[in-house]
């Protein structure tokens, strides 16, 4: 009994210390403009659950633990869990081809499997339209099936919103009910998540965080044009579910405790099905990314549209969960989450978020960035591309943080070393395939060399990651 009490006391002190460090960092971040909510739980206890800044600046409404936000592409793992629920009910298998669900389908797509859709390896384009286009399920299927594949199904990984929208449509076809209703009945309700969904929770605008782009009011998700039963299918199934930090923590608990899916099927969500990059720094499961941070195994996903952003990560081994939302474009949830990781693993206990105040110059002038620029300047970009793994290790590059590569790329561009910058960004996008700014800067570098086709490829990749409020949209239109 004494050992149990002592162990519990030690655990409490550790958690209390983390909570103080987290709170200090987040309060300081709020003074620099962070707006959002954060929940952190460890060993079954919520050690921080709080809102920071304003959910609605004009109304003076504060962010709270109950503020509703868009989870963005974190929606994909709900879709993946819905598919696995149908597997559990023996209504489909992940090896089933699309021809099983659609009677009219082109020959190049009929053998695409559920597994390939779940792992972004089907070959579909990243995106086919704007999030808020009024496109129903039938129209979306026609558009998707008419679009050319980017590669033979199963041959590689390429993040695709299109694939997850098709999975959402398959859920409707097999279940016989709407996508949102299926998630509510099979996943959200059993997990106790009554504040998650599109329309079913009946959110009012006053409950939602208002999005701000460059301090200009963008509005809320429900201010935007939706169909009568929810978002159009460019968004539905792959993004846009609304929730709260508390509900997302309930979801973590439901997954951890196998409340909504049996152990074997839940494990399939967290299996390393396909590498996101050649080096295997991160892997995609079914709707989740699997990656090591500081020697700890984390499962995570992010999402956003350039205004709203959200980030969720957890470690089943550590029983640690983090949910971060943000509603302004200047300090997004990803940056906050990365700094929280640093505090948790002891790497940066006093850091401010990347990209604000004193950190802004550091990513361009730190010794690691200087070493990368020196190697490229002396030996050329192609040498860097051929030997980047060795070069980055010798420079003591942090493979969990992309900012030093961004700084090097920006410096090369400023010196008009376009070919060298392109080689740098080729490595950057291999290691960090979802960084919008990297794709955009590589595209701009190609434009400087008048290589419009390569520039288009880069901008399309960028738009797939974030379709709204992305300068790549205008750049791509100017090239068509």
Foldseek 3Di string as FASTA:
>chain_A
DVVVVVVVVVVVVVLQVLLVLLVVQVQVLLVQPFFWWKWKDFPHGTSDTFTGAALDVVVRHHDGLQFKFWQAQLLQVLLLLLVLLCVVVVLDDQQQACCVQDVDADPQRRRAGNVLLLFQQQQWFLFDDDFADAAAPVRLVVSRRPDDGRDRGPPAHAHHLSSQLVSLVSSCRRVVDHSQVSSVVQPQVLLVFLFKFFPNNPDDQVRHRFWAEVNHTPGGPVVGHDPPVGIHSSAPRRIGMMGGPVSVVSNVVCLLVVRRHDPVSSVQQVDQPHALFPVSQWGGGRSWIWHDDLNAIKIKDKRDQQTKIKIWMAGSVRRMIMIIIGGYNQQGRVQSVVVSSCCVSVNCSPDHGQRTDPNVCCLQDPQLLVQLLVCCVVPNLVVCLVCVVVSSVVSVHDLVDLSNLVNNLVVCVVVVVLRSSLSSLVVSCNSVVQDLVSLQSNLVSCVVVVNNVSSLVSLSSSCSNHVHPRVSVVVNVVSD
